Protein backbone atom coordinates (compact mmCIF):
# COMPACT_ATOMS: atom_id res chain seq x y z
CA MET A 1 208.31 21.67 -5.80
CA ILE A 2 211.51 19.72 -4.56
CA ALA A 3 214.02 19.80 -7.39
CA SER A 4 215.22 16.04 -8.43
CA GLY A 5 218.48 14.88 -6.19
CA VAL A 6 217.59 16.64 -3.30
CA VAL A 7 218.43 14.28 -0.21
CA VAL A 8 215.43 13.99 1.93
CA TYR A 9 216.10 13.20 5.73
CA VAL A 10 213.17 12.09 7.99
CA SER A 11 213.53 11.99 11.69
CA CYS A 12 211.65 8.50 12.96
CA GLN A 13 211.19 10.10 16.63
CA PRO A 14 208.83 12.99 17.22
CA VAL A 15 210.21 16.70 18.53
CA ASP A 16 209.13 18.99 20.52
CA PHE A 17 207.50 21.59 18.13
CA ARG A 18 208.13 24.59 20.50
CA LYS A 19 211.81 24.40 18.97
CA GLY A 20 212.70 26.79 16.16
CA ALA A 21 214.58 26.34 13.28
CA ALA A 22 217.97 26.74 15.01
CA SER A 23 217.15 24.03 17.58
CA LEU A 24 215.94 21.91 15.07
CA MET A 25 219.20 22.43 12.70
CA ALA A 26 221.27 21.60 16.10
CA LEU A 27 219.32 18.24 16.46
CA VAL A 28 220.49 17.72 12.73
CA ARG A 29 224.03 18.19 13.61
CA ASP A 30 223.65 16.44 16.95
CA GLY A 31 222.48 13.57 14.66
CA GLY A 32 225.67 13.51 13.22
CA LEU A 33 224.74 14.88 9.67
CA ASP A 34 225.76 18.28 8.26
CA PRO A 35 222.94 21.09 8.69
CA PHE A 36 224.44 23.24 6.29
CA ASN A 37 224.15 21.15 2.86
CA SER A 38 221.61 21.40 0.61
CA ALA A 39 219.29 18.44 2.25
CA LEU A 40 215.79 18.88 3.58
CA TYR A 41 215.26 17.45 7.05
CA VAL A 42 211.99 16.50 8.09
CA PHE A 43 210.28 16.45 11.83
CA ARG A 44 207.08 15.52 13.00
CA SER A 45 204.77 16.22 16.12
CA LYS A 46 204.31 13.66 18.83
CA ARG A 47 200.34 14.38 17.83
CA LYS A 48 201.36 13.13 14.34
CA ASP A 49 199.30 15.97 12.72
CA ARG A 50 202.13 18.46 12.04
CA VAL A 51 205.27 18.31 10.13
CA ARG A 52 208.33 20.76 10.20
CA ILE A 53 210.90 20.77 7.32
CA VAL A 54 214.21 22.63 8.11
CA TRP A 55 216.94 23.25 5.42
CA TRP A 56 219.66 25.56 4.51
CA ASP A 57 219.44 27.66 1.26
CA GLY A 58 222.70 29.21 1.22
CA SER A 59 221.89 32.54 2.88
CA GLY A 60 220.11 31.28 6.03
CA VAL A 61 217.94 28.47 7.62
CA CYS A 62 214.50 28.17 6.28
CA LEU A 63 211.53 26.57 8.46
CA TYR A 64 208.30 24.99 6.55
CA SER A 65 205.55 24.17 8.87
CA LYS A 66 202.45 22.53 7.98
CA VAL A 67 199.12 21.08 9.94
CA ILE A 68 197.79 18.23 8.22
């Protein structure tokens, strides 16, 4: 469950799903956003059947991956 008030950013462009949590957070930083706030960053695969969500939970980077 996502708490109310959490900001969610969704990438419009697909990303290479061989990238791990650190590489996805680097994409967030390169996009001009702060990867260490409590926002969720959502990425999709080129095939459009997978999503990855990365976020900073205060003690480390979390990576959630889902096949749709």
